[in-house]
Amino acid sequence: MSAEQEKKKKKNVLKSWIGGELLLSPFLSRQIGLIALVAGLIIVYVSNRYAFQYEQVEIQRLRTKLEDTKYEALARSSELMEKSRESNIERYIEEQGSELQMSTCPPVVIKK
């Protein structure tokens, strides 16, 4: 083959690729089912990966929210215990100017 014929052959191959004649080749027409299966599996793989990443972000967000809620509940519980202590209640009653006083005698149990 001469250099000119090889050049024409390369142009024809390039022209056939660009023109889409490659898709009409017998090899590709026999393997179209396999190509479609591989393309479908790639799409499923990518979508599964994105769904997994989304779930991981959501789990992390919910864990952070749960942790914040636990700390808030602990703070409120501590605050409630502090306010309900006997000494704090007595001090609050005195500050309000009430005449209430602590009982000096123990409670009596009445039996039926």
PDB file of N, CA and C in Angstrom:
ATOM      1  N   MET A   1       0.850  -1.181   0.000  1.00  0.00           N
ATOM      2  CA  MET A   1       0.000   0.000   0.000  1.00  0.00           C
ATOM      3  C   MET A   1       0.888   1.233   0.000  1.00  0.00           C
ATOM      4  N   SER A   2       0.411   2.171  -0.677  1.00  0.00           N
ATOM      5  CA  SER A   2       1.169   3.414  -0.717  1.00  0.00           C
ATOM      6  C   SER A   2       0.723   4.316   0.423  1.00  0.00           C
ATOM      7  N   ALA A   3       1.492   5.340   0.663  1.00  0.00           N
ATOM      8  CA  ALA A   3       1.201   6.278   1.746  1.00  0.00           C
ATOM      9  C   ALA A   3      -0.114   7.002   1.485  1.00  0.00           C
ATOM     10  N   GLU A   4      -0.406   7.220   0.210  1.00  0.00           N
ATOM     11  CA  GLU A   4      -1.641   7.934  -0.143  1.00  0.00           C
ATOM     12  C   GLU A   4      -2.876   7.077   0.172  1.00  0.00           C
ATOM     13  N   GLN A   5      -2.788   5.796  -0.084  1.00  0.00           N
ATOM     14  CA  GLN A   5      -3.908   4.891   0.181  1.00  0.00           C
ATOM     15  C   GLN A   5      -4.143   4.751   1.694  1.00  0.00           C
ATOM     16  N   GLU A   6      -3.052   4.713   2.468  1.00  0.00           N
ATOM     17  CA  GLU A   6      -3.193   4.651   3.930  1.00  0.00           C
ATOM     18  C   GLU A   6      -3.835   5.919   4.468  1.00  0.00           C
ATOM     19  N   LYS A   7      -3.475   7.033   3.886  1.00  0.00           N
ATOM     20  CA  LYS A   7      -4.060   8.311   4.304  1.00  0.00           C
ATOM     21  C   LYS A   7      -5.557   8.326   4.025  1.00  0.00           C
ATOM     22  N   LYS A   8      -5.960   7.830   2.842  1.00  0.00           N
ATOM     23  CA  LYS A   8      -7.378   7.775   2.490  1.00  0.00           C
ATOM     24  C   LYS A   8      -8.127   6.824   3.427  1.00  0.00           C
ATOM     25  N   LYS A   9      -7.476   5.693   3.762  1.00  0.00           N
ATOM     26  CA  LYS A   9      -8.099   4.715   4.653  1.00  0.00           C
ATOM     27  C   LYS A   9      -8.319   5.319   6.037  1.00  0.00           C
ATOM     28  N   LYS A  10      -7.327   6.056   6.540  1.00  0.00           N
ATOM     29  CA  LYS A  10      -7.472   6.710   7.849  1.00  0.00           C
ATOM     30  C   LYS A  10      -8.580   7.751   7.812  1.00  0.00           C
ATOM     31  N   LYS A  11      -8.681   8.482   6.714  1.00  0.00           N
ATOM     32  CA  LYS A  11      -9.754   9.480   6.585  1.00  0.00           C
ATOM     33  C   LYS A  11     -11.120   8.793   6.567  1.00  0.00           C
ATOM     34  N   ASN A  12     -11.181   7.647   5.872  1.00  0.00           N
ATOM     35  CA  ASN A  12     -12.451   6.914   5.807  1.00  0.00           C
ATOM     36  C   ASN A  12     -12.847   6.376   7.187  1.00  0.00           C
ATOM     37  N   VAL A  13     -11.878   5.885   7.941  1.00  0.00           N
ATOM     38  CA  VAL A  13     -12.164   5.372   9.282  1.00  0.00           C
ATOM     39  C   VAL A  13     -12.644   6.511  10.171  1.00  0.00           C
ATOM     40  N   LEU A  14     -11.957   7.637  10.133  1.00  0.00           N
ATOM     41  CA  LEU A  14     -12.355   8.796  10.931  1.00  0.00           C
ATOM     42  C   LEU A  14     -13.731   9.286  10.510  1.00  0.00           C
ATOM     43  N   LYS A  15     -13.965   9.299   9.196  1.00  0.00           N
ATOM     44  CA  LYS A  15     -15.256   9.755   8.678  1.00  0.00           C
ATOM     45  C   LYS A  15     -16.372   8.797   9.128  1.00  0.00           C
ATOM     46  N   SER A  16     -16.081   7.505   9.144  1.00  0.00           N
ATOM     47  CA  SER A  16     -17.106   6.540   9.557  1.00  0.00           C
ATOM     48  C   SER A  16     -17.401   6.667  11.054  1.00  0.00           C
ATOM     49  N   TRP A  17     -16.398   6.948  11.873  1.00  0.00           N
ATOM     50  CA  TRP A  17     -16.621   7.139  13.319  1.00  0.00           C
ATOM     51  C   TRP A  17     -17.462   8.372  13.567  1.00  0.00           C
ATOM     52  N   ILE A  18     -17.086   9.454  12.903  1.00  0.00           N
ATOM     53  CA  ILE A  18     -17.820  10.715  13.104  1.00  0.00           C
ATOM     54  C   ILE A  18     -19.233  10.591  12.548  1.00  0.00           C
ATOM     55  N   GLY A  19     -19.389   9.918  11.437  1.00  0.00           N
ATOM     56  CA  GLY A  19     -20.706   9.769  10.808  1.00  0.00           C
ATOM     57  C   GLY A  19     -21.630   8.811  11.528  1.00  0.00           C
ATOM     58  N   GLY A  20     -21.097   8.011  12.442  1.00  0.00           N
ATOM     59  CA  GLY A  20     -21.939   7.102  13.197  1.00  0.00           C
ATOM     60  C   GLY A  20     -22.049   5.722  12.593  1.00  0.00           C
ATOM     61  N   GLU A  21     -21.279   5.450  11.548  1.00  0.00           N
ATOM     62  CA  GLU A  21     -21.321   4.133  10.922  1.00  0.00           C
ATOM     63  C   GLU A  21     -20.765   3.060  11.857  1.00  0.00           C
ATOM     64  N   LEU A  22     -19.968   3.448  12.827  1.00  0.00           N
ATOM     65  CA  LEU A  22     -19.423   2.494  13.788  1.00  0.00           C
ATOM     66  C   LEU A  22     -20.543   1.822  14.585  1.00  0.00           C
ATOM     67  N   LEU A  23     -21.605   2.581  14.846  1.00  0.00           N
ATOM     68  CA  LEU A  23     -22.727   2.031  15.604  1.00  0.00           C
ATOM     69  C   LEU A  23     -23.505   0.984  14.813  1.00  0.00           C
ATOM     70  N   LEU A  24     -23.355   1.002  13.513  1.00  0.00           N
ATOM     71  CA  LEU A  24     -24.071   0.044  12.671  1.00  0.00           C
ATOM     72  C   LEU A  24     -23.247  -1.208  12.390  1.00  0.00           C
ATOM     73  N   SER A  25     -22.053  -1.296  12.955  1.00  0.00           N
ATOM     74  CA  SER A  25     -21.199  -2.454  12.683  1.00  0.00           C
ATOM     75  C   SER A  25     -21.839  -3.710  13.266  1.00  0.00           C
ATOM     76  N   PRO A  26     -21.574  -4.847  12.676  1.00  0.00           N
ATOM     77  CA  PRO A  26     -22.184  -6.106  13.154  1.00  0.00           C
ATOM     78  C   PRO A  26     -21.771  -6.459  14.582  1.00  0.00           C
ATOM     79  N   PHE A  27     -20.528  -6.146  14.950  1.00  0.00           N
ATOM     80  CA  PHE A  27     -20.067  -6.453  16.302  1.00  0.00           C
ATOM     81  C   PHE A  27     -20.907  -5.723  17.346  1.00  0.00           C
ATOM     82  N   LEU A  28     -21.097  -4.419  17.149  1.00  0.00           N
ATOM     83  CA  LEU A  28     -21.875  -3.648  18.125  1.00  0.00           C
ATOM     84  C   LEU A  28     -23.344  -4.032  18.114  1.00  0.00           C
ATOM     85  N   SER A  29     -23.867  -4.369  16.965  1.00  0.00           N
ATOM     86  CA  SER A  29     -25.283  -4.754  16.927  1.00  0.00           C
ATOM     87  C   SER A  29     -25.508  -6.074  17.661  1.00  0.00           C
ATOM     88  N   ARG A  30     -24.494  -6.968  17.674  1.00  0.00           N
ATOM     89  CA  ARG A  30     -24.619  -8.211  18.436  1.00  0.00           C
ATOM     90  C   ARG A  30     -24.475  -7.975  19.939  1.00  0.00           C
ATOM     91  N   GLN A  31     -23.702  -6.985  20.327  1.00  0.00           N
ATOM     92  CA  GLN A  31     -23.392  -6.750  21.734  1.00  0.00           C
ATOM     93  C   GLN A  31     -24.247  -5.647  22.368  1.00  0.00           C
ATOM     94  N   ILE A  32     -25.267  -5.164  21.678  1.00  0.00           N
ATOM     95  CA  ILE A  32     -26.070  -4.039  22.182  1.00  0.00           C
ATOM     96  C   ILE A  32     -26.755  -4.377  23.503  1.00  0.00           C
ATOM     97  N   GLY A  33     -27.159  -5.613  23.710  1.00  0.00           N
ATOM     98  CA  GLY A  33     -27.792  -6.011  24.971  1.00  0.00           C
ATOM     99  C   GLY A  33     -26.822  -5.912  26.132  1.00  0.00           C
ATOM    100  N   LEU A  34     -25.600  -6.377  25.909  1.00  0.00           N
ATOM    101  CA  LEU A  34     -24.572  -6.298  26.948  1.00  0.00           C
ATOM    102  C   LEU A  34     -24.220  -4.849  27.269  1.00  0.00           C
ATOM    103  N   ILE A  35     -24.121  -4.031  26.242  1.00  0.00           N
ATOM    104  CA  ILE A  35     -23.802  -2.603  26.446  1.00  0.00           C
ATOM    105  C   ILE A  35     -24.916  -1.932  27.237  1.00  0.00           C
ATOM    106  N   ALA A  36     -26.162  -2.241  26.913  1.00  0.00           N
ATOM    107  CA  ALA A  36     -27.288  -1.651  27.648  1.00  0.00           C
ATOM    108  C   ALA A  36     -27.287  -2.122  29.104  1.00  0.00           C
ATOM    109  N   LEU A  37     -26.962  -3.411  29.335  1.00  0.00           N
ATOM    110  CA  LEU A  37     -26.901  -3.931  30.696  1.00  0.00           C
ATOM    111  C   LEU A  37     -25.811  -3.229  31.508  1.00  0.00           C
ATOM    112  N   VAL A  38     -24.638  -3.077  30.925  1.00  0.00           N
ATOM    113  CA  VAL A  38     -23.539  -2.399  31.620  1.00  0.00           C
ATOM    114  C   VAL A  38     -23.909  -0.943  31.915  1.00  0.00           C
ATOM    115  N   ALA A  39     -24.510  -0.249  30.964  1.00  0.00           N
ATOM    116  CA  ALA A  39     -24.924   1.138  31.182  1.00  0.00           C
ATOM    117  C   ALA A  39     -25.970   1.215  32.302  1.00  0.00           C
ATOM    118  N   GLY A  40     -26.915   0.280  32.310  1.00  0.00           N
ATOM    119  CA  GLY A  40     -27.926   0.259  33.377  1.00  0.00           C
ATOM    120  C   GLY A  40     -27.308   0.011  34.737  1.00  0.00           C
ATOM    121  N   LEU A  41     -26.359  -0.919  34.813  1.00  0.00           N
ATOM    122  CA  LEU A  41     -25.695  -1.202  36.090  1.00  0.00           C
ATOM    123  C   LEU A  41     -24.887   0.000  36.580  1.00  0.00           C
ATOM    124  N   ILE A  42     -24.267   0.711  35.658  1.00  0.00           N
ATOM    125  CA  ILE A  42     -23.518   1.917  36.050  1.00  0.00           C
ATOM    126  C   ILE A  42     -24.468   2.951  36.637  1.00  0.00           C
ATOM    127  N   ILE A  43     -25.616   3.135  36.007  1.00  0.00           N
ATOM    128  CA  ILE A  43     -26.599   4.108  36.513  1.00  0.00           C
ATOM    129  C   ILE A  43     -27.097   3.692  37.894  1.00  0.00           C
ATOM    130  N   VAL A  44     -27.388   2.408  38.074  1.00  0.00           N
ATOM    131  CA  VAL A  44     -27.852   1.921  39.381  1.00  0.00           C
ATOM    132  C   VAL A  44     -26.771   2.109  40.440  1.00  0.00           C
ATOM    133  N   TYR A  45     -25.518   1.832  40.094  1.00  0.00           N
ATOM    134  CA  TYR A  45     -24.404   1.976  41.033  1.00  0.00           C
ATOM    135  C   TYR A  45     -24.247   3.424  41.477  1.00  0.00           C
ATOM    136  N   VAL A  46     -24.280   4.346  40.529  1.00  0.00           N
ATOM    137  CA  VAL A  46     -24.107   5.764  40.864  1.00  0.00           C
ATOM    138  C   VAL A  46     -25.272   6.260  41.714  1.00  0.00           C
ATOM    139  N   SER A  47     -26.497   5.889  41.348  1.00  0.00           N
ATOM    140  CA  SER A  47     -27.655   6.354  42.126  1.00  0.00           C
ATOM    141  C   SER A  47     -27.649   5.746  43.525  1.00  0.00           C
ATOM    142  N   ASN A  48     -27.209   4.503  43.656  1.00  0.00           N
ATOM    143  CA  ASN A  48     -27.118   3.867  44.969  1.00  0.00           C
ATOM    144  C   ASN A  48     -26.084   4.583  45.838  1.00  0.00           C
ATOM    145  N   ARG A  49     -24.978   4.962  45.233  1.00  0.00           N
ATOM    146  CA  ARG A  49     -23.925   5.677  45.970  1.00  0.00           C
ATOM    147  C   ARG A  49     -24.458   7.024  46.482  1.00  0.00           C
ATOM    148  N   TYR A  50     -25.158   7.762  45.648  1.00  0.00           N
ATOM    149  CA  TYR A  50     -25.706   9.049  46.080  1.00  0.00           C
ATOM    150  C   TYR A  50     -26.753   8.870  47.178  1.00  0.00           C
ATOM    151  N   ALA A  51     -27.572   7.837  47.070  1.00  0.00           N
ATOM    152  CA  ALA A  51     -28.581   7.578  48.107  1.00  0.00           C
ATOM    153  C   ALA A  51     -27.899   7.247  49.431  1.00  0.00           C
ATOM    154  N   PHE A  52     -26.834   6.460  49.391  1.00  0.00           N
ATOM    155  CA  PHE A  52     -26.091   6.111  50.597  1.00  0.00           C
ATOM    156  C   PHE A  52     -25.476   7.349  51.237  1.00  0.00           C
ATOM    157  N   GLN A  53     -24.872   8.199  50.433  1.00  0.00           N
ATOM    158  CA  GLN A  53     -24.265   9.426  50.967  1.00  0.00           C
ATOM    159  C   GLN A  53     -25.331  10.328  51.587  1.00  0.00           C
ATOM    160  N   TYR A  54     -26.489  10.434  50.959  1.00  0.00           N
ATOM    161  CA  TYR A  54     -27.568  11.250  51.504  1.00  0.00           C
ATOM    162  C   TYR A  54     -28.021  10.710  52.858  1.00  0.00           C
ATOM    163  N   GLU A  55     -28.153   9.385  52.956  1.00  0.00           N
ATOM    164  CA  GLU A  55     -28.571   8.783  54.225  1.00  0.00           C
ATOM    165  C   GLU A  55     -27.518   9.003  55.312  1.00  0.00           C
ATOM    166  N   GLN A  56     -26.250   8.939  54.970  1.00  0.00           N
ATOM    167  CA  GLN A  56     -25.192   9.172  55.944  1.00  0.00           C
ATOM    168  C   GLN A  56     -25.233  10.610  56.465  1.00  0.00           C
ATOM    169  N   VAL A  57     -25.460  11.560  55.585  1.00  0.00           N
ATOM    170  CA  VAL A  57     -25.581  12.962  56.004  1.00  0.00           C
ATOM    171  C   VAL A  57     -26.792  13.136  56.907  1.00  0.00           C
ATOM    172  N   GLU A  58     -27.892  12.504  56.571  1.00  0.00           N
ATOM    173  CA  GLU A  58     -29.114  12.606  57.376  1.00  0.00           C
ATOM    174  C   GLU A  58     -28.912  11.972  58.753  1.00  0.00           C
ATOM    175  N   ILE A  59     -28.233  10.827  58.805  1.00  0.00           N
ATOM    176  CA  ILE A  59     -27.958  10.173  60.088  1.00  0.00           C
ATOM    177  C   ILE A  59     -27.090  11.061  60.961  1.00  0.00           C
ATOM    178  N   GLN A  60     -26.074  11.674  60.380  1.00  0.00           N
ATOM    179  CA  GLN A  60     -25.189  12.560  61.150  1.00  0.00           C
ATOM    180  C   GLN A  60     -25.952  13.769  61.678  1.00  0.00           C
ATOM    181  N   ARG A  61     -26.846  14.323  60.836  1.00  0.00           N
ATOM    182  CA  ARG A  61     -27.646  15.482  61.267  1.00  0.00           C
ATOM    183  C   ARG A  61     -28.549  15.095  62.439  1.00  0.00           C
ATOM    184  N   LEU A  62     -29.172  13.919  62.358  1.00  0.00           N
ATOM    185  CA  LEU A  62     -30.061  13.476  63.431  1.00  0.00           C
ATOM    186  C   LEU A  62     -29.290  13.152  64.714  1.00  0.00           C
ATOM    187  N   ARG A  63     -28.077  12.602  64.578  1.00  0.00           N
ATOM    188  CA  ARG A  63     -27.262  12.341  65.769  1.00  0.00           C
ATOM    189  C   ARG A  63     -26.895  13.638  66.472  1.00  0.00           C
ATOM    190  N   THR A  64     -26.531  14.640  65.694  1.00  0.00           N
ATOM    191  CA  THR A  64     -26.193  15.942  66.269  1.00  0.00           C
ATOM    192  C   THR A  64     -27.405  16.542  66.968  1.00  0.00           C
ATOM    193  N   LYS A  65     -28.560  16.439  66.330  1.00  0.00           N
ATOM    194  CA  LYS A  65     -29.785  16.968  66.924  1.00  0.00           C
ATOM    195  C   LYS A  65     -30.120  16.227  68.219  1.00  0.00           C
ATOM    196  N   LEU A  66     -29.965  14.902  68.226  1.00  0.00           N
ATOM    197  CA  LEU A  66     -30.228  14.109  69.427  1.00  0.00           C
ATOM    198  C   LEU A  66     -29.284  14.503  70.554  1.00  0.00           C
ATOM    199  N   GLU A  67     -28.015  14.684  70.234  1.00  0.00           N
ATOM    200  CA  GLU A  67     -27.037  15.072  71.246  1.00  0.00           C
ATOM    201  C   GLU A  67     -27.378  16.442  71.838  1.00  0.00           C
ATOM    202  N   ASP A  68     -27.742  17.385  70.991  1.00  0.00           N
ATOM    203  CA  ASP A  68     -28.134  18.712  71.477  1.00  0.00           C
ATOM    204  C   ASP A  68     -29.361  18.625  72.371  1.00  0.00           C
ATOM    205  N   THR A  69     -30.329  17.803  71.985  1.00  0.00           N
ATOM    206  CA  THR A  69     -31.548  17.650  72.775  1.00  0.00           C
ATOM    207  C   THR A  69     -31.247  17.010  74.128  1.00  0.00           C
ATOM    208  N   LYS A  70     -30.343  16.034  74.144  1.00  0.00           N
ATOM    209  CA  LYS A  70     -29.962  15.402  75.413  1.00  0.00           C
ATOM    210  C   LYS A  70     -29.318  16.412  76.351  1.00  0.00           C
ATOM    211  N   TYR A  71     -28.401  17.225  75.826  1.00  0.00           N
ATOM    212  CA  TYR A  71     -27.752  18.221  76.665  1.00  0.00           C
ATOM    213  C   TYR A  71     -28.747  19.259  77.177  1.00  0.00           C
ATOM    214  N   GLU A  72     -29.688  19.635  76.335  1.00  0.00           N
ATOM    215  CA  GLU A  72     -30.704  20.600  76.754  1.00  0.00           C
ATOM    216  C   GLU A  72     -31.585  20.007  77.857  1.00  0.00           C
ATOM    217  N   ALA A  73     -31.977  18.738  77.709  1.00  0.00           N
ATOM    218  CA  ALA A  73     -32.799  18.075  78.731  1.00  0.00           C
ATOM    219  C   ALA A  73     -32.026  17.946  80.036  1.00  0.00           C
ATOM    220  N   LEU A  74     -30.747  17.640  79.962  1.00  0.00           N
ATOM    221  CA  LEU A  74     -29.917  17.531  81.158  1.00  0.00           C
ATOM    222  C   LEU A  74     -29.802  18.882  81.861  1.00  0.00           C
ATOM    223  N   ALA A  75     -29.636  19.940  81.085  1.00  0.00           N
ATOM    224  CA  ALA A  75     -29.539  21.282  81.671  1.00  0.00           C
ATOM    225  C   ALA A  75     -30.850  21.672  82.349  1.00  0.00           C
ATOM    226  N   ARG A  76     -31.961  21.384  81.699  1.00  0.00           N
ATOM    227  CA  ARG A  76     -33.267  21.732  82.305  1.00  0.00           C
ATOM    228  C   ARG A  76     -33.527  20.902  83.563  1.00  0.00           C
ATOM    229  N   SER A  77     -33.156  19.639  83.549  1.00  0.00           N
ATOM    230  CA  SER A  77     -33.337  18.781  84.715  1.00  0.00           C
ATOM    231  C   SER A  77     -32.488  19.295  85.886  1.00  0.00           C
ATOM    232  N   SER A  78     -31.269  19.693  85.594  1.00  0.00           N
ATOM    233  CA  SER A  78     -30.391  20.234  86.623  1.00  0.00           C
ATOM    234  C   SER A  78     -30.956  21.538  87.189  1.00  0.00           C
ATOM    235  N   GLU A  79     -31.465  22.368  86.305  1.00  0.00           N
ATOM    236  CA  GLU A  79     -32.068  23.638  86.729  1.00  0.00           C
ATOM    237  C   GLU A  79     -33.285  23.392  87.612  1.00  0.00           C
ATOM    238  N   LEU A  80     -34.116  22.427  87.247  1.00  0.00           N
ATOM    239  CA  LEU A  80     -35.302  22.099  88.037  1.00  0.00           C
ATOM    240  C   LEU A  80     -34.906  21.559  89.405  1.00  0.00           C
ATOM    241  N   MET A  81     -33.897  20.703  89.469  1.00  0.00           N
ATOM    242  CA  MET A  81     -33.443  20.176  90.762  1.00  0.00           C
ATOM    243  C   MET A  81     -32.915  21.301  91.651  1.00  0.00           C
ATOM    244  N   GLU A  82     -32.208  22.238  91.041  1.00  0.00           N
ATOM    245  CA  GLU A  82     -31.660  23.363  91.805  1.00  0.00           C
ATOM    246  C   GLU A  82     -32.785  24.218  92.386  1.00  0.00           C
ATOM    247  N   LYS A  83     -33.813  24.459  91.576  1.00  0.00           N
ATOM    248  CA  LYS A  83     -34.917  25.300  92.056  1.00  0.00           C
ATOM    249  C   LYS A  83     -35.787  24.590  93.078  1.00  0.00           C
ATOM    250  N   SER A  84     -35.846  23.255  93.045  1.00  0.00           N
ATOM    251  CA  SER A  84     -36.743  22.545  93.952  1.00  0.00           C
ATOM    252  C   SER A  84     -36.062  22.107  95.250  1.00  0.00           C
ATOM    253  N   ARG A  85     -34.827  22.470  95.470  1.00  0.00           N
ATOM    254  CA  ARG A  85     -34.173  22.147  96.743  1.00  0.00           C
ATOM    255  C   ARG A  85     -34.845  22.913  97.872  1.00  0.00           C
ATOM    256  N   GLU A  86     -34.888  22.270  99.018  1.00  0.00           N
ATOM    257  CA  GLU A  86     -35.588  22.848 100.169  1.00  0.00           C
ATOM    258  C   GLU A  86     -35.004  24.208 100.556  1.00  0.00           C
ATOM    259  N   SER A  87     -33.699  24.321 100.557  1.00  0.00           N
ATOM    260  CA  SER A  87     -33.078  25.592 100.967  1.00  0.00           C
ATOM    261  C   SER A  87     -33.409  26.709  99.975  1.00  0.00           C
ATOM    262  N   ASN A  88     -33.459  26.399  98.714  1.00  0.00           N
ATOM    263  CA  ASN A  88     -33.800  27.420  97.718  1.00  0.00           C
ATOM    264  C   ASN A  88     -35.270  27.822  97.821  1.00  0.00           C
ATOM    265  N   ILE A  89     -36.135  26.862  98.143  1.00  0.00           N
ATOM    266  CA  ILE A  89     -37.549  27.183  98.310  1.00  0.00           C
ATOM    267  C   ILE A  89     -37.743  28.095  99.522  1.00  0.00           C
ATOM    268  N   GLU A  90     -37.038  27.782 100.624  1.00  0.00           N
ATOM    269  CA  GLU A  90     -37.132  28.634 101.817  1.00  0.00           C
ATOM    270  C   GLU A  90     -36.647  30.049 101.512  1.00  0.00           C
ATOM    271  N   ARG A  91     -35.535  30.159 100.797  1.00  0.00           N
ATOM    272  CA  ARG A  91     -35.007  31.485 100.461  1.00  0.00           C
ATOM    273  C   ARG A  91     -35.989  32.247  99.569  1.00  0.00           C
ATOM    274  N   TYR A  92     -36.620  31.564  98.613  1.00  0.00           N
ATOM    275  CA  TYR A  92     -37.585  32.197  97.727  1.00  0.00           C
ATOM    276  C   TYR A  92     -38.793  32.705  98.512  1.00  0.00           C
ATOM    277  N   ILE A  93     -39.273  31.897  99.466  1.00  0.00           N
ATOM    278  CA  ILE A  93     -40.428  32.301 100.279  1.00  0.00           C
ATOM    279  C   ILE A  93     -40.074  33.528 101.110  1.00  0.00           C
ATOM    280  N   GLU A  94     -38.876  33.569 101.685  1.00  0.00           N
ATOM    281  CA  GLU A  94     -38.453  34.731 102.468  1.00  0.00           C
ATOM    282  C   GLU A  94     -38.336  35.971 101.596  1.00  0.00           C
ATOM    283  N   GLU A  95     -37.819  35.829 100.391  1.00  0.00           N
ATOM    284  CA  GLU A  95     -37.682  36.967  99.476  1.00  0.00           C
ATOM    285  C   GLU A  95     -39.038  37.536  99.088  1.00  0.00           C
ATOM    286  N   GLN A  96     -40.047  36.683  98.988  1.00  0.00           N
ATOM    287  CA  GLN A  96     -41.378  37.128  98.607  1.00  0.00           C
ATOM    288  C   GLN A  96     -42.125  37.782  99.772  1.00  0.00           C
ATOM    289  N   GLY A  97     -41.581  37.632 100.957  1.00  0.00           N
ATOM    290  CA  GLY A  97     -42.207  38.248 102.123  1.00  0.00           C
ATOM    291  C   GLY A  97     -43.400  37.472 102.641  1.00  0.00           C
ATOM    292  N   SER A  98     -43.464  36.200 102.400  1.00  0.00           N
ATOM    293  CA  SER A  98     -44.580  35.384 102.861  1.00  0.00           C
ATOM    294  C   SER A  98     -44.391  35.028 104.336  1.00  0.00           C
ATOM    295  N   GLU A  99     -45.476  34.735 105.000  1.00  0.00           N
ATOM    296  CA  GLU A  99     -45.425  34.368 106.408  1.00  0.00           C
ATOM    297  C   GLU A  99     -45.288  32.863 106.599  1.00  0.00           C
ATOM    298  N   LEU A 100     -45.142  32.108 105.564  1.00  0.00           N
ATOM    299  CA  LEU A 100     -44.997  30.660 105.678  1.00  0.00           C
ATOM    300  C   LEU A 100     -43.667  30.334 106.350  1.00  0.00           C
ATOM    301  N   GLN A 101     -43.684  29.272 107.161  1.00  0.00           N
ATOM    302  CA  GLN A 101     -42.468  28.841 107.842  1.00  0.00           C
ATOM    303  C   GLN A 101     -42.382  27.327 107.762  1.00  0.00           C
ATOM    304  N   MET A 102     -41.176  26.819 107.962  1.00  0.00           N
ATOM    305  CA  MET A 102     -40.984  25.372 107.981  1.00  0.00           C
ATOM    306  C   MET A 102     -41.625  24.812 109.242  1.00  0.00           C
ATOM    307  N   SER A 103     -42.204  23.656 109.111  1.00  0.00           N
ATOM    308  CA  SER A 103     -42.818  23.005 110.259  1.00  0.00           C
ATOM    309  C   SER A 103     -41.714  22.506 111.196  1.00  0.00           C
ATOM    310  N   THR A 104     -41.952  22.700 112.480  1.00  0.00           N
ATOM    311  CA  THR A 104     -40.974  22.244 113.449  1.00  0.00           C
ATOM    312  C   THR A 104     -41.275  20.864 113.973  1.00  0.00           C
ATOM    313  N   CYS A 105     -42.519  20.414 113.814  1.00  0.00           N
ATOM    314  CA  CYS A 105     -42.890  19.070 114.270  1.00  0.00           C
ATOM    315  C   CYS A 105     -42.981  18.137 113.058  1.00  0.00           C
ATOM    316  N   PRO A 106     -42.615  16.887 113.254  1.00  0.00           N
ATOM    317  CA  PRO A 106     -42.671  15.944 112.121  1.00  0.00           C
ATOM    318  C   PRO A 106     -44.111  15.633 111.740  1.00  0.00           C
ATOM    319  N   PRO A 107     -44.330  15.162 110.516  1.00  0.00           N
ATOM    320  CA  PRO A 107     -45.684  14.826 110.093  1.00  0.00           C
ATOM    321  C   PRO A 107     -46.229  13.637 110.878  1.00  0.00           C
ATOM    322  N   VAL A 108     -47.532  13.609 111.080  1.00  0.00           N
ATOM    323  CA  VAL A 108     -48.190  12.538 111.833  1.00  0.00           C
ATOM    324  C   VAL A 108     -48.967  11.673 110.848  1.00  0.00           C
ATOM    325  N   VAL A 109     -48.802  10.372 110.983  1.00  0.00           N
ATOM    326  CA  VAL A 109     -49.520   9.432 110.125  1.00  0.00           C
ATOM    327  C   VAL A 109     -50.805   9.061 110.823  1.00  0.00           C
ATOM    328  N   ILE A 110     -51.932   9.245 110.112  1.00  0.00           N
ATOM    329  CA  ILE A 110     -53.235   8.923 110.684  1.00  0.00           C
ATOM    330  C   ILE A 110     -53.632   7.563 110.163  1.00  0.00           C
ATOM    331  N   LYS A 111     -53.926   6.650 111.096  1.00  0.00           N
ATOM    332  CA  LYS A 111     -54.319   5.304 110.718  1.00  0.00           C
ATOM    333  C   LYS A 111     -55.835   5.195 110.743  1.00  0.00           C
ATOM    334  N   LYS A 112     -56.372   4.410 109.866  1.00  0.00           N
ATOM    335  CA  LYS A 112     -57.830   4.246 109.804  1.00  0.00           C
ATOM    336  C   LYS A 112     -58.304   3.169 110.707  1.00  0.00           C
TER     337      LYS A 112
END
